[in-house]
N, C-alpha and C. Protein backbone atom coordinates (compact mmCIF):
# COMPACT_ATOMS: atom_id res chain seq x y z
N MET A 1 12.62 53.10 66.99
CA MET A 1 11.59 53.90 66.33
C MET A 1 11.69 55.35 66.81
N ILE A 2 11.61 56.28 65.88
CA ILE A 2 11.55 57.71 66.19
C ILE A 2 10.08 58.11 66.29
N TYR A 3 9.72 58.83 67.33
CA TYR A 3 8.35 59.31 67.48
C TYR A 3 8.34 60.82 67.31
N PHE A 4 7.44 61.29 66.44
CA PHE A 4 7.38 62.68 66.03
C PHE A 4 5.95 63.16 66.27
N PHE A 5 5.78 64.04 67.27
CA PHE A 5 4.48 64.58 67.63
C PHE A 5 4.41 66.05 67.22
N ALA A 6 3.34 66.41 66.49
CA ALA A 6 3.21 67.77 65.98
C ALA A 6 1.78 68.27 66.11
N ASP A 7 1.64 69.59 66.18
CA ASP A 7 0.33 70.20 65.95
C ASP A 7 0.37 70.84 64.56
N ASP A 8 -0.75 71.41 64.12
CA ASP A 8 -0.77 71.97 62.76
C ASP A 8 -0.21 73.39 62.71
N HIS A 9 0.16 73.95 63.85
CA HIS A 9 0.73 75.29 63.98
C HIS A 9 -0.06 76.30 63.16
N TYR A 10 -1.32 76.45 63.54
CA TYR A 10 -2.21 77.44 62.95
C TYR A 10 -2.40 77.24 61.45
N GLY A 11 -2.55 75.96 61.09
CA GLY A 11 -2.86 75.61 59.71
C GLY A 11 -1.67 75.57 58.77
N GLN A 12 -0.46 75.75 59.28
CA GLN A 12 0.73 75.75 58.42
C GLN A 12 1.41 74.38 58.34
N HIS A 13 1.11 73.48 59.26
CA HIS A 13 1.59 72.09 59.23
C HIS A 13 3.11 71.96 59.07
N PRO A 14 3.90 72.68 59.86
CA PRO A 14 5.36 72.58 59.69
C PRO A 14 5.92 71.20 59.99
N GLY A 15 5.41 70.55 61.04
CA GLY A 15 5.90 69.21 61.35
C GLY A 15 5.62 68.23 60.22
N LYS A 16 4.42 68.28 59.70
CA LYS A 16 4.05 67.37 58.61
C LYS A 16 4.89 67.63 57.36
N THR A 17 5.13 68.91 57.07
CA THR A 17 5.95 69.24 55.90
C THR A 17 7.36 68.73 56.06
N ILE A 18 7.95 68.95 57.22
CA ILE A 18 9.31 68.45 57.47
C ILE A 18 9.34 66.94 57.36
N PHE A 19 8.39 66.27 58.00
CA PHE A 19 8.36 64.80 57.94
C PHE A 19 8.30 64.31 56.50
N ARG A 20 7.45 64.89 55.69
CA ARG A 20 7.27 64.43 54.31
C ARG A 20 8.49 64.67 53.44
N HIS A 21 9.35 65.61 53.82
CA HIS A 21 10.53 65.92 53.01
C HIS A 21 11.81 65.27 53.52
N LEU A 22 11.75 64.56 54.63
CA LEU A 22 12.94 63.89 55.14
C LEU A 22 13.36 62.75 54.21
N PRO A 23 14.63 62.38 54.24
CA PRO A 23 15.07 61.23 53.43
C PRO A 23 14.27 59.98 53.77
N GLU A 24 14.11 59.12 52.79
CA GLU A 24 13.25 57.95 52.94
C GLU A 24 13.67 57.07 54.11
N ASP A 25 14.97 56.89 54.32
CA ASP A 25 15.41 56.00 55.40
C ASP A 25 14.99 56.53 56.76
N LEU A 26 14.93 57.86 56.91
CA LEU A 26 14.47 58.44 58.18
C LEU A 26 12.95 58.34 58.29
N ARG A 27 12.24 58.67 57.22
CA ARG A 27 10.77 58.59 57.26
C ARG A 27 10.30 57.19 57.64
N GLU A 28 10.98 56.19 57.12
CA GLU A 28 10.56 54.81 57.39
C GLU A 28 10.74 54.41 58.85
N SER A 29 11.56 55.16 59.58
CA SER A 29 11.80 54.83 60.99
C SER A 29 11.05 55.76 61.93
N ILE A 30 10.12 56.57 61.38
CA ILE A 30 9.39 57.56 62.17
C ILE A 30 7.91 57.22 62.24
N THR A 31 7.36 57.28 63.45
CA THR A 31 5.91 57.30 63.65
C THR A 31 5.51 58.75 63.86
N PHE A 32 4.72 59.29 62.93
CA PHE A 32 4.35 60.70 62.96
C PHE A 32 2.88 60.85 63.28
N THR A 33 2.54 61.77 64.18
CA THR A 33 1.14 62.10 64.45
C THR A 33 0.99 63.62 64.52
N GLU A 34 -0.16 64.12 64.08
CA GLU A 34 -0.46 65.55 64.12
C GLU A 34 -1.81 65.76 64.79
N ASN A 35 -1.85 66.71 65.72
CA ASN A 35 -3.09 67.07 66.42
C ASN A 35 -3.75 65.86 67.10
N ASP A 36 -2.97 64.99 67.64
CA ASP A 36 -3.50 63.78 68.28
C ASP A 36 -2.51 63.35 69.37
N TRP A 37 -2.91 63.50 70.63
CA TRP A 37 -2.00 63.21 71.74
C TRP A 37 -2.26 61.83 72.36
N ARG A 38 -3.11 61.00 71.77
CA ARG A 38 -3.44 59.73 72.39
C ARG A 38 -2.21 58.84 72.57
N LEU A 39 -1.39 58.72 71.55
CA LEU A 39 -0.18 57.90 71.68
C LEU A 39 0.77 58.52 72.69
N LEU A 40 0.93 59.82 72.64
CA LEU A 40 1.79 60.51 73.60
C LEU A 40 1.32 60.27 75.02
N GLU A 41 0.01 60.36 75.24
CA GLU A 41 -0.56 60.17 76.57
C GLU A 41 -0.43 58.72 77.04
N SER A 42 -0.49 57.78 76.11
CA SER A 42 -0.49 56.36 76.48
C SER A 42 0.84 55.89 77.05
N GLY A 43 1.92 56.53 76.63
CA GLY A 43 3.24 56.08 77.04
C GLY A 43 3.73 54.86 76.30
N GLU A 44 2.92 54.32 75.37
CA GLU A 44 3.32 53.13 74.62
C GLU A 44 4.58 53.37 73.81
N TRP A 45 4.80 54.60 73.41
CA TRP A 45 5.96 54.93 72.59
C TRP A 45 7.29 54.70 73.31
N LEU A 46 7.23 54.66 74.64
CA LEU A 46 8.47 54.46 75.40
C LEU A 46 9.10 53.08 75.17
N LYS A 47 8.30 52.13 74.74
CA LYS A 47 8.79 50.75 74.62
C LYS A 47 9.91 50.61 73.60
N ASN A 48 9.86 51.38 72.53
CA ASN A 48 10.88 51.21 71.48
C ASN A 48 11.38 52.53 70.92
N CYS A 49 11.23 53.61 71.69
CA CYS A 49 11.63 54.93 71.21
C CYS A 49 13.15 55.07 71.21
N THR A 50 13.68 55.59 70.10
CA THR A 50 15.11 55.91 70.01
C THR A 50 15.36 57.41 69.99
N LEU A 51 14.33 58.18 69.61
CA LEU A 51 14.45 59.63 69.58
C LEU A 51 13.04 60.22 69.59
N LEU A 52 12.87 61.32 70.33
CA LEU A 52 11.60 62.03 70.39
C LEU A 52 11.75 63.35 69.64
N ILE A 53 10.85 63.60 68.68
CA ILE A 53 10.83 64.86 67.94
C ILE A 53 9.51 65.55 68.21
N LEU A 54 9.57 66.84 68.48
CA LEU A 54 8.36 67.62 68.75
C LEU A 54 8.31 68.84 67.84
N ASN A 55 7.13 69.13 67.32
CA ASN A 55 6.87 70.39 66.64
C ASN A 55 5.48 70.84 67.08
N MET A 56 5.39 71.34 68.29
CA MET A 56 4.10 71.60 68.92
C MET A 56 4.25 72.59 70.07
N ILE A 57 3.16 73.27 70.39
CA ILE A 57 3.07 74.11 71.57
C ILE A 57 1.77 73.73 72.27
N GLY A 58 1.87 73.23 73.47
CA GLY A 58 0.70 72.75 74.20
C GLY A 58 -0.36 73.81 74.37
N GLY A 59 -1.62 73.43 74.14
CA GLY A 59 -2.73 74.32 74.36
C GLY A 59 -3.00 75.30 73.24
N THR A 60 -2.36 75.12 72.07
CA THR A 60 -2.60 75.98 70.92
C THR A 60 -3.29 75.17 69.83
N CYS A 61 -3.66 75.85 68.75
CA CYS A 61 -4.23 75.19 67.56
C CYS A 61 -5.47 74.37 67.90
N ASP A 62 -6.25 74.85 68.86
CA ASP A 62 -7.47 74.16 69.30
C ASP A 62 -7.19 72.76 69.84
N GLN A 63 -5.97 72.54 70.30
CA GLN A 63 -5.60 71.26 70.89
C GLN A 63 -5.40 71.45 72.40
N PRO A 64 -5.78 70.47 73.20
CA PRO A 64 -5.54 70.58 74.64
C PRO A 64 -4.06 70.45 74.96
N HIS A 65 -3.66 71.06 76.05
CA HIS A 65 -2.30 70.82 76.54
C HIS A 65 -2.21 69.36 76.97
N PRO A 66 -1.16 68.62 76.56
CA PRO A 66 -1.04 67.22 77.00
C PRO A 66 -1.16 67.10 78.51
N GLY A 67 -1.73 65.97 78.95
CA GLY A 67 -2.07 65.79 80.35
C GLY A 67 -1.16 64.88 81.13
N ALA A 68 -1.72 64.25 82.16
CA ALA A 68 -0.93 63.50 83.14
C ALA A 68 -0.21 62.30 82.52
N GLY A 69 -0.86 61.62 81.58
CA GLY A 69 -0.21 60.47 80.96
C GLY A 69 1.02 60.87 80.17
N ALA A 70 0.90 61.96 79.43
CA ALA A 70 2.03 62.47 78.67
C ALA A 70 3.15 62.93 79.60
N GLU A 71 2.77 63.59 80.68
CA GLU A 71 3.80 64.08 81.61
C GLU A 71 4.56 62.91 82.24
N LYS A 72 3.85 61.87 82.63
CA LYS A 72 4.51 60.70 83.19
C LYS A 72 5.48 60.08 82.20
N ALA A 73 5.04 59.97 80.94
CA ALA A 73 5.89 59.38 79.91
C ALA A 73 7.11 60.25 79.64
N LEU A 74 6.90 61.57 79.54
CA LEU A 74 8.03 62.47 79.28
C LEU A 74 9.03 62.46 80.42
N ARG A 75 8.53 62.41 81.65
CA ARG A 75 9.45 62.32 82.79
C ARG A 75 10.29 61.05 82.71
N SER A 76 9.65 59.96 82.30
CA SER A 76 10.37 58.69 82.16
C SER A 76 11.42 58.80 81.07
N TRP A 77 11.06 59.38 79.93
CA TRP A 77 12.00 59.52 78.82
C TRP A 77 13.20 60.38 79.22
N CYS A 78 12.93 61.50 79.84
CA CYS A 78 14.03 62.37 80.27
C CYS A 78 14.84 61.72 81.38
N GLY A 79 14.16 60.97 82.25
CA GLY A 79 14.85 60.31 83.35
C GLY A 79 15.84 59.25 82.90
N ARG A 80 15.58 58.66 81.75
CA ARG A 80 16.50 57.65 81.21
C ARG A 80 17.55 58.27 80.27
N GLY A 81 17.55 59.60 80.18
CA GLY A 81 18.53 60.28 79.34
C GLY A 81 18.19 60.26 77.87
N GLY A 82 16.90 60.22 77.54
CA GLY A 82 16.49 60.20 76.14
C GLY A 82 16.74 61.52 75.44
N ASN A 83 17.07 61.44 74.17
CA ASN A 83 17.35 62.63 73.36
C ASN A 83 16.07 63.18 72.75
N ILE A 84 16.05 64.52 72.54
CA ILE A 84 14.87 65.20 72.03
C ILE A 84 15.29 66.24 71.01
N LEU A 85 14.54 66.32 69.91
CA LEU A 85 14.68 67.40 68.94
C LEU A 85 13.45 68.29 69.04
N LEU A 86 13.67 69.57 69.33
CA LEU A 86 12.59 70.54 69.46
C LEU A 86 12.59 71.44 68.23
N LEU A 87 11.55 71.35 67.41
CA LEU A 87 11.45 72.16 66.21
C LEU A 87 10.58 73.39 66.48
N HIS A 88 11.01 74.52 65.94
CA HIS A 88 10.31 75.81 66.03
C HIS A 88 9.98 76.14 67.49
N GLY A 89 8.73 76.22 67.88
CA GLY A 89 8.37 76.67 69.23
C GLY A 89 8.27 75.57 70.26
N SER A 90 8.85 74.42 70.00
CA SER A 90 8.59 73.25 70.86
C SER A 90 9.27 73.30 72.22
N SER A 91 10.12 74.30 72.46
CA SER A 91 10.58 74.48 73.84
C SER A 91 9.41 74.81 74.75
N ALA A 92 8.28 75.22 74.15
CA ALA A 92 7.04 75.47 74.89
C ALA A 92 6.03 74.35 74.69
N ALA A 93 6.49 73.19 74.23
CA ALA A 93 5.56 72.08 73.98
C ALA A 93 4.75 71.74 75.23
N PHE A 94 5.39 71.78 76.37
CA PHE A 94 4.75 71.42 77.63
C PHE A 94 4.95 72.54 78.64
N TRP A 95 4.66 73.74 78.23
CA TRP A 95 4.99 74.93 79.00
C TRP A 95 4.24 75.00 80.33
N GLN A 96 3.19 74.22 80.52
CA GLN A 96 2.48 74.24 81.79
C GLN A 96 3.15 73.39 82.87
N TRP A 97 4.16 72.61 82.49
CA TRP A 97 4.86 71.76 83.46
C TRP A 97 6.10 72.49 83.97
N GLU A 98 6.18 72.72 85.26
CA GLU A 98 7.29 73.49 85.82
C GLU A 98 8.64 72.85 85.51
N TRP A 99 8.74 71.54 85.66
CA TRP A 99 10.03 70.87 85.45
C TRP A 99 10.49 70.98 84.00
N TRP A 100 9.55 70.93 83.05
CA TRP A 100 9.90 71.05 81.64
C TRP A 100 10.47 72.44 81.34
N ARG A 101 9.89 73.45 81.94
CA ARG A 101 10.34 74.82 81.69
C ARG A 101 11.79 75.04 82.12
N LYS A 102 12.33 74.14 82.91
CA LYS A 102 13.68 74.33 83.45
C LYS A 102 14.77 73.60 82.65
N ILE A 103 14.41 72.75 81.69
CA ILE A 103 15.42 71.86 81.09
C ILE A 103 15.67 72.09 79.61
N VAL A 104 14.92 72.98 78.96
CA VAL A 104 14.93 73.01 77.50
C VAL A 104 15.99 73.93 76.89
N GLY A 105 16.84 74.51 77.70
CA GLY A 105 17.90 75.35 77.15
C GLY A 105 17.43 76.76 76.91
N LEU A 106 16.91 77.03 75.72
CA LEU A 106 16.36 78.34 75.36
C LEU A 106 14.86 78.18 75.21
N ARG A 107 14.10 78.86 76.05
CA ARG A 107 12.66 78.62 76.18
C ARG A 107 11.84 79.71 75.49
N TRP A 108 10.91 79.28 74.62
CA TRP A 108 9.91 80.18 74.06
C TRP A 108 8.90 80.49 75.16
N VAL A 109 8.80 81.76 75.53
CA VAL A 109 7.95 82.18 76.65
C VAL A 109 6.62 82.68 76.10
N ARG A 110 5.54 82.05 76.52
CA ARG A 110 4.21 82.40 76.06
C ARG A 110 3.60 83.51 76.92
N PRO A 111 2.61 84.23 76.36
CA PRO A 111 1.86 85.18 77.19
C PRO A 111 1.23 84.46 78.39
N GLY A 112 1.19 85.13 79.52
CA GLY A 112 0.64 84.50 80.72
C GLY A 112 1.54 83.43 81.28
N ASP A 113 2.85 83.58 81.10
CA ASP A 113 3.81 82.58 81.55
C ASP A 113 3.64 82.29 83.05
N PRO A 114 3.61 81.01 83.44
CA PRO A 114 3.44 80.68 84.87
C PRO A 114 4.54 81.24 85.77
N ASP A 115 5.74 81.47 85.19
CA ASP A 115 6.84 81.99 85.99
C ASP A 115 6.93 83.51 85.94
N GLY A 116 6.00 84.14 85.22
CA GLY A 116 5.96 85.59 85.17
C GLY A 116 7.04 86.21 84.30
N VAL A 117 7.63 85.42 83.40
CA VAL A 117 8.67 85.93 82.51
C VAL A 117 8.02 86.67 81.34
N THR A 118 8.63 87.76 80.90
CA THR A 118 8.12 88.53 79.77
C THR A 118 8.06 87.65 78.52
N PRO A 119 6.97 87.69 77.77
CA PRO A 119 6.84 86.82 76.59
C PRO A 119 7.94 87.07 75.55
N SER A 120 8.30 86.00 74.84
CA SER A 120 9.21 86.11 73.72
C SER A 120 8.50 86.78 72.55
N LYS A 121 9.26 87.12 71.52
CA LYS A 121 8.71 87.80 70.35
C LYS A 121 9.09 87.05 69.07
N HIS A 122 8.34 87.31 68.00
CA HIS A 122 8.70 86.70 66.71
C HIS A 122 8.45 87.67 65.56
N PRO A 123 9.38 88.59 65.34
CA PRO A 123 9.26 89.44 64.16
C PRO A 123 9.24 88.59 62.90
N VAL A 124 8.54 89.06 61.88
CA VAL A 124 8.45 88.33 60.62
C VAL A 124 9.25 89.09 59.57
N LYS A 125 10.32 88.48 59.09
CA LYS A 125 11.17 89.10 58.08
C LYS A 125 12.11 88.05 57.50
N PRO A 126 12.72 88.31 56.36
CA PRO A 126 13.72 87.38 55.83
C PRO A 126 14.94 87.36 56.74
N CYS A 127 15.68 86.27 56.69
CA CYS A 127 16.90 86.18 57.47
C CYS A 127 17.87 85.20 56.82
N PHE A 128 19.09 85.24 57.28
CA PHE A 128 20.10 84.26 56.88
C PHE A 128 20.52 83.51 58.13
N VAL A 129 20.30 82.21 58.14
CA VAL A 129 20.66 81.38 59.29
C VAL A 129 22.11 80.93 59.09
N ARG A 130 22.95 81.34 59.99
CA ARG A 130 24.39 81.14 59.81
C ARG A 130 24.96 80.25 60.90
N LEU A 131 26.16 79.75 60.67
CA LEU A 131 26.84 78.94 61.66
C LEU A 131 27.38 79.84 62.77
N ALA A 132 27.16 79.45 64.01
CA ALA A 132 27.73 80.19 65.13
C ALA A 132 29.19 79.79 65.32
N LYS A 133 29.93 80.61 66.01
CA LYS A 133 31.32 80.30 66.30
C LYS A 133 31.38 79.38 67.51
N CYS A 134 31.55 78.10 67.27
CA CYS A 134 31.62 77.15 68.38
C CYS A 134 32.40 75.93 67.93
N ARG A 135 32.83 75.13 68.90
CA ARG A 135 33.52 73.88 68.62
C ARG A 135 32.63 72.75 69.13
N HIS A 136 31.91 72.16 68.20
CA HIS A 136 30.93 71.13 68.53
C HIS A 136 30.89 70.15 67.37
N THR A 137 30.76 68.88 67.67
CA THR A 137 30.80 67.86 66.61
C THR A 137 29.66 68.03 65.61
N LEU A 138 28.51 68.54 66.04
CA LEU A 138 27.39 68.71 65.13
C LEU A 138 27.57 69.92 64.23
N SER A 139 28.29 70.93 64.70
CA SER A 139 28.41 72.18 63.96
C SER A 139 28.95 71.97 62.55
N SER A 140 29.92 71.08 62.39
CA SER A 140 30.52 70.86 61.08
C SER A 140 29.58 70.16 60.10
N ARG A 141 28.47 69.62 60.60
CA ARG A 141 27.51 68.91 59.75
C ARG A 141 26.35 69.79 59.32
N LEU A 142 26.28 71.01 59.86
CA LEU A 142 25.20 71.93 59.53
C LEU A 142 25.62 72.90 58.44
N VAL A 143 24.63 73.41 57.71
CA VAL A 143 24.89 74.26 56.55
C VAL A 143 24.10 75.56 56.69
N PRO A 144 24.72 76.72 56.51
CA PRO A 144 23.97 77.98 56.56
C PRO A 144 23.00 78.09 55.39
N PHE A 145 21.94 78.87 55.57
CA PHE A 145 20.95 78.98 54.50
C PHE A 145 20.08 80.22 54.70
N PRO A 146 19.54 80.77 53.59
CA PRO A 146 18.63 81.91 53.68
C PRO A 146 17.19 81.44 53.83
N LEU A 147 16.38 82.23 54.49
CA LEU A 147 14.94 82.00 54.56
C LEU A 147 14.21 83.27 54.16
N GLY A 148 13.08 83.12 53.48
CA GLY A 148 12.23 84.26 53.19
C GLY A 148 11.51 84.71 54.44
N ALA A 149 10.64 85.69 54.29
CA ALA A 149 9.94 86.26 55.44
C ALA A 149 9.20 85.17 56.22
N ASP A 150 9.52 85.05 57.47
CA ASP A 150 8.93 84.04 58.36
C ASP A 150 9.20 84.49 59.79
N GLU A 151 8.58 83.80 60.73
CA GLU A 151 8.79 84.12 62.14
C GLU A 151 10.25 83.88 62.53
N ILE A 152 10.83 84.85 63.21
CA ILE A 152 12.17 84.69 63.79
C ILE A 152 12.00 84.78 65.30
N TYR A 153 12.22 83.69 65.99
CA TYR A 153 11.99 83.68 67.43
C TYR A 153 13.11 84.44 68.13
N THR A 154 12.71 85.42 68.95
CA THR A 154 13.66 86.27 69.66
C THR A 154 13.27 86.34 71.13
N GLU A 155 14.19 86.84 71.93
CA GLU A 155 13.97 87.07 73.37
C GLU A 155 13.50 85.79 74.07
N LEU A 156 14.17 84.69 73.76
CA LEU A 156 13.94 83.44 74.48
C LEU A 156 14.58 83.54 75.86
N GLU A 157 14.08 82.75 76.79
CA GLU A 157 14.68 82.71 78.12
C GLU A 157 15.66 81.54 78.21
N GLN A 158 16.89 81.81 78.63
CA GLN A 158 17.84 80.72 78.84
C GLN A 158 17.61 80.12 80.21
N VAL A 159 17.26 78.82 80.24
CA VAL A 159 16.93 78.15 81.49
C VAL A 159 17.95 77.09 81.88
N SER A 160 18.84 76.74 80.96
CA SER A 160 19.91 75.78 81.26
C SER A 160 21.07 76.07 80.31
N PRO A 161 22.27 75.58 80.62
CA PRO A 161 23.43 75.89 79.78
C PRO A 161 23.23 75.39 78.34
N VAL A 162 23.65 76.19 77.38
CA VAL A 162 23.47 75.83 75.98
C VAL A 162 24.76 76.06 75.20
N THR A 163 24.88 75.31 74.10
CA THR A 163 25.86 75.60 73.06
C THR A 163 25.08 76.04 71.84
N VAL A 164 25.31 77.27 71.40
CA VAL A 164 24.62 77.78 70.22
C VAL A 164 25.36 77.32 68.97
N LEU A 165 24.62 76.65 68.08
CA LEU A 165 25.21 76.07 66.87
C LEU A 165 24.94 76.92 65.63
N MET A 166 23.77 77.56 65.58
CA MET A 166 23.43 78.45 64.47
C MET A 166 22.72 79.66 65.05
N ASP A 167 22.88 80.81 64.37
CA ASP A 167 22.19 82.01 64.80
C ASP A 167 21.81 82.83 63.58
N THR A 168 21.16 83.96 63.81
CA THR A 168 20.85 84.89 62.73
C THR A 168 21.02 86.31 63.25
N PHE A 169 21.41 87.19 62.36
CA PHE A 169 21.56 88.60 62.70
C PHE A 169 20.48 89.39 61.97
N ILE A 170 19.65 90.10 62.72
CA ILE A 170 18.65 90.99 62.16
C ILE A 170 18.77 92.33 62.87
N GLU A 171 17.98 93.29 62.46
CA GLU A 171 18.09 94.63 63.03
C GLU A 171 17.98 94.63 64.55
N GLU A 172 17.15 93.73 65.08
CA GLU A 172 16.93 93.69 66.54
C GLU A 172 18.10 93.08 67.30
N GLY A 173 19.00 92.37 66.61
CA GLY A 173 20.14 91.78 67.29
C GLY A 173 20.52 90.42 66.71
N VAL A 174 21.33 89.68 67.45
CA VAL A 174 21.74 88.33 67.08
C VAL A 174 20.95 87.34 67.92
N PHE A 175 20.33 86.36 67.26
CA PHE A 175 19.45 85.45 67.98
C PHE A 175 19.76 83.99 67.61
N PRO A 176 19.87 83.12 68.62
CA PRO A 176 20.14 81.70 68.36
C PRO A 176 19.03 81.07 67.52
N GLN A 177 19.41 80.19 66.62
CA GLN A 177 18.45 79.46 65.80
C GLN A 177 18.60 77.95 65.95
N CYS A 178 19.71 77.52 66.48
CA CYS A 178 19.91 76.10 66.79
C CYS A 178 20.84 76.02 67.98
N ALA A 179 20.46 75.25 68.99
CA ALA A 179 21.26 75.17 70.21
C ALA A 179 21.06 73.82 70.87
N GLU A 180 22.07 73.40 71.61
CA GLU A 180 21.99 72.13 72.34
C GLU A 180 22.15 72.38 73.84
N THR A 181 21.33 71.68 74.62
CA THR A 181 21.53 71.61 76.06
C THR A 181 21.54 70.13 76.43
N VAL A 182 22.14 69.81 77.55
CA VAL A 182 22.23 68.42 78.01
C VAL A 182 21.61 68.34 79.40
N THR A 183 20.69 67.41 79.58
CA THR A 183 20.01 67.27 80.86
C THR A 183 20.92 66.65 81.91
N GLU A 184 20.49 66.70 83.16
CA GLU A 184 21.27 66.09 84.24
C GLU A 184 21.46 64.60 84.03
N GLN A 185 20.55 63.97 83.30
CA GLN A 185 20.63 62.54 83.03
C GLN A 185 21.43 62.23 81.77
N GLY A 186 21.97 63.25 81.13
CA GLY A 186 22.80 63.05 79.94
C GLY A 186 22.05 63.08 78.63
N GLY A 187 20.76 63.39 78.65
CA GLY A 187 20.00 63.48 77.42
C GLY A 187 20.30 64.77 76.67
N LYS A 188 20.46 64.65 75.36
CA LYS A 188 20.71 65.82 74.53
C LYS A 188 19.39 66.39 74.04
N ILE A 189 19.20 67.69 74.21
CA ILE A 189 18.04 68.38 73.68
C ILE A 189 18.54 69.43 72.70
N VAL A 190 18.22 69.23 71.43
CA VAL A 190 18.61 70.19 70.40
C VAL A 190 17.37 70.95 69.93
N SER A 191 17.44 72.26 69.95
CA SER A 191 16.38 73.11 69.41
C SER A 191 16.80 73.60 68.04
N PHE A 192 15.90 73.45 67.06
CA PHE A 192 16.12 73.99 65.72
C PHE A 192 14.90 74.83 65.40
N ILE A 193 15.07 76.15 65.39
CA ILE A 193 13.95 77.07 65.48
C ILE A 193 13.43 77.59 64.14
N PRO A 194 14.26 77.75 63.11
CA PRO A 194 13.82 78.54 61.96
C PRO A 194 12.59 78.00 61.26
N GLY A 195 11.67 78.91 60.93
CA GLY A 195 10.62 78.65 59.97
C GLY A 195 9.43 77.85 60.43
N HIS A 196 8.24 78.28 59.93
CA HIS A 196 7.04 77.47 60.13
C HIS A 196 6.17 77.44 58.88
N LEU A 197 6.38 78.36 57.95
CA LEU A 197 5.60 78.36 56.72
C LEU A 197 6.05 77.22 55.80
N PRO A 198 5.15 76.69 54.98
CA PRO A 198 5.52 75.57 54.10
C PRO A 198 6.73 75.86 53.21
N CYS A 199 6.84 77.10 52.74
CA CYS A 199 7.98 77.43 51.88
C CYS A 199 9.30 77.38 52.65
N SER A 200 9.24 77.56 53.96
CA SER A 200 10.44 77.46 54.80
C SER A 200 10.74 76.01 55.17
N THR A 201 9.71 75.30 55.63
CA THR A 201 9.94 73.96 56.15
C THR A 201 10.17 72.93 55.05
N ALA A 202 9.92 73.31 53.79
CA ALA A 202 10.27 72.45 52.66
C ALA A 202 11.62 72.84 52.05
N ASN A 203 12.26 73.87 52.61
CA ASN A 203 13.56 74.32 52.12
C ASN A 203 14.57 73.17 52.16
N GLU A 204 15.23 72.94 51.04
CA GLU A 204 16.12 71.78 50.92
C GLU A 204 17.22 71.78 51.96
N ILE A 205 17.79 72.95 52.24
CA ILE A 205 18.89 73.00 53.20
C ILE A 205 18.36 72.89 54.62
N LEU A 206 17.21 73.48 54.90
CA LEU A 206 16.60 73.29 56.22
C LEU A 206 16.38 71.80 56.48
N ILE A 207 15.84 71.10 55.50
CA ILE A 207 15.61 69.66 55.65
C ILE A 207 16.93 68.91 55.86
N ARG A 208 17.94 69.32 55.12
CA ARG A 208 19.25 68.68 55.30
C ARG A 208 19.75 68.86 56.73
N ASN A 209 19.59 70.07 57.27
CA ASN A 209 20.04 70.31 58.64
C ASN A 209 19.23 69.51 59.65
N VAL A 210 17.91 69.45 59.47
CA VAL A 210 17.09 68.65 60.37
C VAL A 210 17.52 67.19 60.30
N SER A 211 17.80 66.69 59.11
CA SER A 211 18.22 65.30 58.95
C SER A 211 19.53 65.04 59.68
N GLU A 212 20.47 65.97 59.56
CA GLU A 212 21.76 65.80 60.24
C GLU A 212 21.59 65.83 61.75
N ILE A 213 20.70 66.67 62.25
CA ILE A 213 20.46 66.71 63.70
C ILE A 213 19.85 65.40 64.16
N ILE A 214 18.90 64.87 63.39
CA ILE A 214 18.29 63.59 63.75
C ILE A 214 19.35 62.50 63.81
N ARG A 215 20.20 62.42 62.80
CA ARG A 215 21.24 61.37 62.78
C ARG A 215 22.21 61.54 63.95
N TYR A 216 22.50 62.79 64.30
CA TYR A 216 23.37 63.06 65.44
C TYR A 216 22.74 62.58 66.74
N LEU A 217 21.42 62.76 66.89
CA LEU A 217 20.74 62.43 68.14
C LEU A 217 20.39 60.96 68.29
N LEU A 218 20.36 60.23 67.18
CA LEU A 218 20.04 58.80 67.27
C LEU A 218 21.15 58.05 67.98
N PRO A 219 20.80 57.01 68.75
CA PRO A 219 21.83 56.23 69.44
C PRO A 219 22.82 55.64 68.43
N LYS A 220 24.08 55.65 68.79
CA LYS A 220 25.09 55.02 67.94
C LYS A 220 24.99 53.51 68.07
N GLN A 221 25.52 52.81 67.09
CA GLN A 221 25.47 51.35 67.10
C GLN A 221 26.08 50.82 68.40
N GLY A 222 25.35 49.96 69.07
CA GLY A 222 25.81 49.40 70.34
C GLY A 222 25.25 50.10 71.55
N GLU A 223 24.71 51.32 71.34
CA GLU A 223 24.06 52.04 72.44
C GLU A 223 22.60 51.65 72.52
N LYS A 224 22.02 51.80 73.70
CA LYS A 224 20.60 51.55 73.88
C LYS A 224 19.82 52.82 73.66
């Protein structure tokens, strides 16, 4: 079972929109929740989880930052080498946890960062999300695409080694839009950043890319 935890991201519901537009075979294997951390806190999802998907930033959208139960469960998931897909700002999903801030590859830095790092920025403008120059098995499965005016996450902090799979070029510079890092336990964490508005997260090619990332991160037949 895939578990997908999201907040409403200031009323734009990007996680819900992505979930609703995924292919049927993926939707049928996903348990999706929005603005509700009870399952996350319970740790019950660990019993049959094959992939964790997040589209959330702790402590935003009038939602509390997930607490001790969620942290215990996430530590267990990462400790067993579980794979994670981080959508949009989810590198900050658990930004209050020191250990989480160190493993997510490219980190969205919030104001008042506990580590004192300068906050990241998100200019709003159209962009073209393109394939980065890299040699990675997932890269050949991704497709470049244009997006209308939306948040473009910039000035992320690199906290662990990453392979950049997609990027965008805007006036301010070149910024990663999809990247993979691998934890010490062998878990793959892929960040896919573009878009939070409904017109972006319902984009056919964006959905195709998210679907390909999910299929890449799911255990192969015979794996646990």
